[in-house]
Structures are given as C-alpha cells and as structure tokens.
Protein backbone atom coordinates (compact mmCIF):
# COMPACT_ATOMS: atom_id res chain seq x y z
CA MET A 1 247.24 -60.40 -2.12
CA GLY A 2 244.69 -62.30 -0.04
CA GLU A 3 241.51 -61.09 1.62
CA VAL A 4 243.34 -60.35 4.88
CA GLY A 5 245.93 -58.24 3.08
CA LEU A 6 243.25 -56.29 1.23
CA SER A 7 241.40 -55.72 4.50
CA GLN A 8 244.54 -54.33 6.12
CA VAL A 9 245.04 -51.96 3.20
CA CYS A 10 241.43 -50.80 3.47
CA GLU A 11 241.96 -50.04 7.16
CA THR A 12 244.92 -47.86 6.20
CA VAL A 13 242.79 -46.10 3.61
CA ARG A 14 240.24 -45.12 6.23
CA ASP A 15 242.96 -43.23 8.10
CA LEU A 16 243.55 -40.99 5.06
CA VAL A 17 240.79 -38.53 5.92
CA VAL A 18 239.93 -35.75 3.49
CA LYS A 19 238.34 -32.86 5.36
CA ASN A 20 235.00 -31.57 4.13
CA PRO A 21 234.68 -33.84 1.08
CA VAL A 22 232.12 -32.77 -1.50
CA ILE A 23 231.34 -36.44 -2.21
CA ARG A 24 231.93 -39.43 0.02
CA THR A 25 230.84 -43.04 0.02
CA GLU A 26 230.33 -45.48 2.88
CA ARG A 27 230.67 -49.21 2.21
CA LEU A 28 229.37 -48.74 -1.31
CA SER A 29 228.65 -51.87 -3.32
CA ALA A 30 227.24 -51.91 -6.85
CA PHE A 31 225.58 -54.69 -8.82
CA TYR A 32 224.51 -55.37 -12.39
CA GLY A 33 222.18 -58.26 -11.86
CA LYS A 34 224.24 -60.94 -10.08
CA LEU A 35 227.54 -59.33 -11.04
CA GLN A 36 229.07 -57.31 -8.21
CA ALA A 37 231.13 -54.45 -9.66
CA LEU A 38 232.03 -52.64 -6.41
CA LYS A 39 232.66 -54.15 -2.98
CA ASP A 40 232.39 -52.04 0.19
CA VAL A 41 234.11 -48.95 -1.26
CA SER A 42 234.52 -46.01 1.13
CA ILE A 43 236.15 -42.93 -0.42
CA ARG A 44 236.25 -39.16 -0.04
CA ILE A 45 236.40 -36.66 -2.92
CA PRO A 46 238.08 -33.39 -1.85
CA THR A 47 236.60 -30.07 -2.90
CA ARG A 48 238.14 -28.19 -5.84
CA GLN A 49 240.81 -30.71 -6.57
CA ILE A 50 241.29 -33.21 -9.38
CA THR A 51 240.71 -36.75 -8.18
CA THR A 52 241.76 -39.55 -10.52
CA ILE A 53 240.24 -43.03 -10.32
CA MET A 54 242.69 -45.65 -11.61
CA GLY A 55 242.81 -49.39 -11.96
CA PRO A 56 242.91 -52.20 -14.51
CA SER A 57 240.08 -52.83 -16.94
CA GLY A 58 236.96 -54.18 -15.27
CA CYS A 59 237.90 -53.05 -11.77
CA GLY A 60 234.83 -50.81 -11.33
CA LYS A 61 236.21 -47.35 -12.20
CA SER A 62 233.35 -46.22 -14.44
CA THR A 63 230.79 -47.83 -12.16
CA LEU A 64 232.12 -45.86 -9.19
CA LEU A 65 231.90 -42.65 -11.21
CA LYS A 66 228.30 -43.36 -12.21
CA THR A 67 227.21 -43.96 -8.62
CA MET A 68 228.08 -40.34 -7.83
CA ASN A 69 225.13 -38.91 -9.77
CA ARG A 70 222.96 -42.03 -10.04
CA LEU A 71 223.65 -42.62 -13.73
CA ILE A 72 224.26 -46.23 -12.75
CA GLU A 73 220.49 -46.59 -12.51
CA LEU A 74 220.17 -45.87 -16.25
CA ASP A 75 222.46 -48.85 -16.88
CA GLY A 76 220.27 -51.12 -14.76
CA GLY A 77 222.66 -51.07 -11.82
CA LYS A 78 221.78 -51.22 -8.11
CA VAL A 79 223.70 -49.97 -5.10
CA LEU A 80 224.06 -50.84 -1.45
CA GLY A 81 225.71 -48.52 1.05
CA LYS A 82 225.75 -44.73 1.01
CA VAL A 83 226.80 -41.94 -1.33
CA TYR A 84 226.75 -38.40 0.04
CA PHE A 85 226.92 -35.13 -1.89
CA ASN A 86 227.56 -32.27 0.53
CA GLU A 87 226.42 -34.63 3.30
CA THR A 88 223.09 -35.34 1.59
CA ASP A 89 222.30 -38.99 0.87
CA ILE A 90 221.82 -38.93 -2.90
CA TYR A 91 219.93 -42.25 -2.96
CA SER A 92 217.25 -40.91 -0.64
CA ASP A 93 213.73 -40.94 -2.05
CA LYS A 94 213.62 -37.20 -1.35
CA ILE A 95 216.37 -36.39 -3.87
CA ASP A 96 215.43 -34.73 -7.16
CA VAL A 97 217.64 -36.73 -9.55
CA SER A 98 217.50 -34.02 -12.22
CA TRP A 99 218.83 -31.51 -9.69
CA LEU A 100 221.56 -33.94 -8.66
CA ARG A 101 222.73 -34.44 -12.24
CA ARG A 102 222.91 -30.70 -12.78
CA LYS A 103 225.06 -30.30 -9.66
CA VAL A 104 227.18 -33.37 -10.46
CA GLY A 105 227.68 -33.25 -14.23
CA MET A 106 229.05 -35.97 -16.48
CA VAL A 107 231.30 -36.05 -19.55
CA PHE A 108 231.70 -39.39 -21.30
CA GLN A 109 234.56 -41.22 -22.96
CA LYS A 110 233.27 -40.61 -26.48
CA PRO A 111 232.12 -37.06 -27.26
CA ASN A 112 228.32 -37.02 -27.41
CA PRO A 113 227.11 -33.67 -28.72
CA LEU A 114 223.37 -33.48 -29.24
CA PRO A 115 222.11 -33.54 -32.86
CA MET A 116 221.58 -29.80 -32.92
CA SER A 117 223.58 -26.61 -33.38
CA ILE A 118 226.67 -25.64 -31.42
CA TYR A 119 224.69 -22.86 -29.73
CA ASP A 120 221.77 -25.11 -28.84
CA ASN A 121 224.06 -27.73 -27.32
CA VAL A 122 225.38 -25.27 -24.75
CA ALA A 123 221.95 -23.69 -24.15
CA TYR A 124 220.17 -27.04 -23.85
CA GLY A 125 220.36 -27.45 -20.08
CA LEU A 126 219.15 -23.92 -19.40
CA ARG A 127 216.19 -24.35 -21.74
CA ILE A 128 215.27 -27.56 -19.93
CA GLN A 129 215.16 -25.43 -16.77
CA GLY A 130 212.73 -23.05 -18.50
CA ILE A 131 215.16 -20.22 -19.29
CA ARG A 132 214.14 -18.55 -22.55
CA ASP A 133 215.63 -15.04 -22.27
CA ARG A 134 217.85 -14.75 -25.35
CA SER A 135 220.26 -12.32 -23.74
CA VAL A 136 220.79 -14.72 -20.83
CA LEU A 137 221.31 -17.67 -23.16
CA ASP A 138 223.70 -15.68 -25.36
CA GLU A 139 225.81 -14.74 -22.34
CA VAL A 140 225.91 -18.29 -20.97
CA VAL A 141 226.81 -19.77 -24.37
CA ARG A 142 229.59 -17.28 -24.97
CA ARG A 143 231.02 -17.49 -21.45
CA ASN A 144 231.20 -21.28 -21.39
CA LEU A 145 232.58 -21.57 -24.91
CA GLU A 146 235.27 -19.10 -23.83
CA ILE A 147 236.03 -21.17 -20.72
CA VAL A 148 236.71 -24.28 -22.81
CA GLY A 149 238.64 -22.34 -25.45
CA LEU A 150 236.10 -22.82 -28.25
CA TRP A 151 234.61 -19.36 -28.68
CA ASP A 152 237.15 -18.00 -31.16
CA GLU A 153 236.95 -21.23 -33.16
CA VAL A 154 233.16 -21.33 -33.51
CA LYS A 155 231.78 -17.83 -32.88
CA ASP A 156 230.98 -17.33 -36.58
CA ARG A 157 229.22 -20.67 -36.98
CA LEU A 158 227.16 -21.14 -33.84
CA LYS A 159 224.16 -22.24 -35.91
CA GLU A 160 226.07 -25.06 -37.59
CA PRO A 161 225.53 -28.67 -36.42
CA ALA A 162 227.78 -29.60 -33.51
CA LEU A 163 228.52 -32.92 -35.22
CA LYS A 164 230.61 -31.03 -37.80
CA LEU A 165 233.19 -30.22 -35.14
CA SER A 166 236.35 -32.29 -34.75
CA GLY A 167 236.51 -34.89 -31.98
CA GLY A 168 238.52 -32.66 -29.69
CA GLN A 169 236.20 -29.72 -30.30
CA GLN A 170 233.17 -31.92 -29.64
CA GLN A 171 234.58 -33.01 -26.29
CA ARG A 172 235.24 -29.40 -25.28
CA LEU A 173 231.69 -28.55 -26.37
CA CYS A 174 230.36 -31.34 -24.14
CA ILE A 175 232.32 -29.87 -21.22
CA ALA A 176 230.88 -26.41 -22.00
CA ARG A 177 227.38 -27.94 -22.06
CA ALA A 178 227.98 -29.51 -18.64
CA LEU A 179 229.36 -26.26 -17.19
CA ALA A 180 226.46 -24.15 -18.50
CA VAL A 181 224.10 -25.43 -15.78
CA LYS A 182 226.57 -24.45 -13.03
CA PRO A 183 227.60 -27.81 -11.61
CA GLU A 184 229.65 -28.13 -8.47
CA VAL A 185 231.28 -31.39 -9.52
CA LEU A 186 232.38 -32.53 -12.98
CA LEU A 187 232.72 -36.28 -13.57
CA LEU A 188 234.74 -37.39 -16.60
CA ASP A 189 234.98 -40.99 -17.81
CA GLU A 190 238.24 -41.35 -19.79
CA PRO A 191 237.51 -38.07 -21.64
CA THR A 192 240.66 -38.12 -23.79
CA SER A 193 240.91 -41.81 -24.70
CA SER A 194 239.33 -41.33 -28.13
CA LEU A 195 241.25 -38.13 -28.95
CA ASP A 196 244.53 -37.43 -30.71
CA PRO A 197 247.49 -36.39 -28.50
CA ALA A 198 247.14 -32.67 -29.24
CA SER A 199 243.44 -32.64 -28.40
CA ALA A 200 244.07 -34.73 -25.27
CA LYS A 201 246.72 -32.26 -24.11
CA ARG A 202 244.27 -29.41 -24.60
CA ILE A 203 241.64 -31.16 -22.49
CA GLU A 204 244.20 -31.80 -19.73
CA LYS A 205 245.17 -28.12 -19.73
CA LEU A 206 241.50 -27.16 -19.52
CA LEU A 207 240.86 -29.49 -16.56
CA THR A 208 243.84 -28.04 -14.71
CA LYS A 209 242.30 -24.59 -15.13
CA LEU A 210 238.79 -25.72 -14.17
CA ARG A 211 239.85 -27.11 -10.79
CA GLN A 212 240.08 -23.53 -9.53
CA ASN A 213 236.28 -23.44 -9.51
CA TYR A 214 235.07 -27.04 -9.74
CA THR A 215 235.63 -30.40 -8.12
CA ILE A 216 236.81 -32.76 -10.85
CA VAL A 217 236.73 -36.56 -10.77
CA ILE A 218 238.30 -38.30 -13.74
CA VAL A 219 238.53 -41.97 -14.62
CA THR A 220 241.68 -42.68 -16.60
CA HIS A 221 243.47 -45.79 -17.85
CA ASN A 222 246.57 -43.68 -18.48
CA VAL A 223 248.90 -43.65 -15.45
CA HIS A 224 250.98 -40.81 -16.88
CA GLN A 225 247.86 -38.71 -17.35
CA ALA A 226 246.87 -39.40 -13.76
CA MET A 227 250.31 -38.31 -12.61
CA ARG A 228 250.05 -35.07 -14.59
CA LEU A 229 246.57 -34.15 -13.35
CA ALA A 230 245.86 -35.63 -9.94
CA ASP A 231 245.78 -33.87 -6.61
CA HIS A 232 244.07 -36.88 -5.05
CA ALA A 233 244.15 -40.48 -6.29
CA ILE A 234 242.00 -43.59 -5.91
CA PHE A 235 243.15 -47.05 -6.96
CA LEU A 236 240.67 -49.89 -7.43
CA TYR A 237 241.35 -53.57 -8.02
CA MET A 238 238.69 -56.23 -8.61
CA GLY A 239 235.96 -53.92 -7.36
CA LYS A 240 237.76 -53.08 -4.11
CA LEU A 241 239.44 -49.93 -2.89
CA ILE A 242 243.14 -50.63 -2.50
CA GLU A 243 244.50 -47.12 -1.89
CA GLU A 244 243.27 -43.56 -1.64
CA GLY A 245 245.16 -40.43 -0.73
CA PRO A 246 247.23 -37.47 -1.91
CA ALA A 247 248.43 -38.16 -5.44
CA LYS A 248 252.07 -37.49 -4.63
CA GLN A 249 252.03 -40.14 -1.92
CA ILE A 250 250.22 -42.71 -4.06
CA PHE A 251 252.55 -42.27 -7.04
CA THR A 252 255.85 -42.04 -5.16
CA ASN A 253 255.26 -44.28 -2.14
CA PRO A 254 252.26 -46.59 -2.60
CA LYS A 255 251.40 -48.67 0.44
CA SER A 256 250.13 -51.67 -1.51
CA LYS A 257 252.20 -54.04 -3.63
CA ILE A 258 249.26 -54.20 -6.05
CA THR A 259 249.32 -50.43 -6.52
CA TYR A 260 253.09 -50.51 -7.02
CA ALA A 261 252.78 -53.23 -9.64
CA TYR A 262 250.04 -51.36 -11.51
CA LEU A 263 251.94 -48.07 -11.53
CA ASN A 264 254.99 -49.85 -12.88
CA GLY A 265 253.10 -51.41 -15.75
CA GLU A 266 253.13 -54.99 -14.52
CA PHE A 267 249.44 -55.29 -15.47
CA SER A 268 246.80 -53.04 -17.00
C-alpha cells in the first residue's frame, strides 16, 4: 500500500473516537538517533479495557509502549508530538517522571525480579516512597500476591530470593510489584513470550481479571492471544498506525488490506 493509501487509512482511524481515553497521542513520532521508529501516530487508550498493540517485528510496538511512561528516554530515544495521560502532557517539564511511572507501570517481556526476597520485591516501590510501617507493608504484600494468585504458593517462603521462583511465578511477582504502588495503567511488553503455555494461560487469565480495575495495554506478537484478550486493538506497520478500534471490528472486518494480511498470517 502506498503513502496515499496509508494516509486514507489514518483518516479513517481518526474517526474511531474513544471517549475519555486515559492515554492518547497526537502525531507522535519517535527516534533512536537517525532511525525513526514511529511516524505521526495518533491513538486513544480506553479506560479499564485491554488494548493490544500488534504488528510485525520492528514496526514500533515496544517503542509506542515505552513512550507512554517515558521509558523510551532510558533507551536514548526522543519523541516529537504529544502524549497525554488523563489530559496531562507527560513530556512537559513540569511532570515528575517518578510519579508518572508509578501511575503508568511497566512489565517487561522477560521477568525481571529484583535480586532480593519475594517480600522485598513487592514492598520495594512503597519503601522508595518512604513507607516503613511494617503492618502497611505486610498488608500490601499479601493483597497483591493474592491478586496475582501467588500468595498460597509463596506465603511460607517470603524471605527466599525471588530468583528461585519459576519463570511464570517471577512474571506474576513482577505484576504484583507493579500493582503495589497503585498504578492506573499497566503496560506489558510481550509478557508471556518467554513462558510455557500453562504459565502464559495463567497470565492471560490474570489480565482479564485485572481489567476490572486497571487500564491494560499489552504488546503481543501472538494474534490468537490478542483475539482472546483485546477489547480495543491497535495495528502498526513500518512505524505507522494502520488501524485502531474495537477489537471485534479489527479482527472480523479490518479496513486495511495490510491488517487483513497480517491477521491471516501472510507475514509476521
């Protein structure tokens, strides 16, 4: 599809308005040095739904995710355009980036528990905020381990190193650590790609439950996973937004031939 065709698709995308989005972008472009990873991307992330970001390798999925809480800056990336969280420009000089990253948490592709105990992993964010009351920490640790389905598995070994947990348990622990600081949005970058099928299924079930209270944005290379989870879907190709909208519409009646080809496995 040529530039004119892509432009026409983008115009259609702008008509798919999500009311009261928790995150939205306006003509967002992202760069790593001279490499442009995103090109004029305007999207809306609906509140308390699961939004999946799909597209072939190298299309800018992870970069888009990292612009939403400014983690792109830690990778040496730069942005042009706007990103709003609850209508606040997150790239404003007035933004406290630590606050932003608590409100918009991140879980990575490979589980990354801290080199400390299971308990201390979950309590870490609260301690950074200056919370030292043991009863408060105990309650937060227990509640969030229960939310991710880990409490019964680890309650008798909270002082053991988190790195002793299995891969699936480590990923659930990382989600508990993110939830402990009371985020509004949870960003996940291919969170099941390094897990076995049973552990991946458990994470999917957990995310479905979490959307009752959190806005979830997940990057996935797995179309079937996107179909199982998504309320809202975003499809990127070569750094450009091709389609955005209700997941049912995207998966059953895509407007773009590129989206159709991707969903039918013609490229990945």
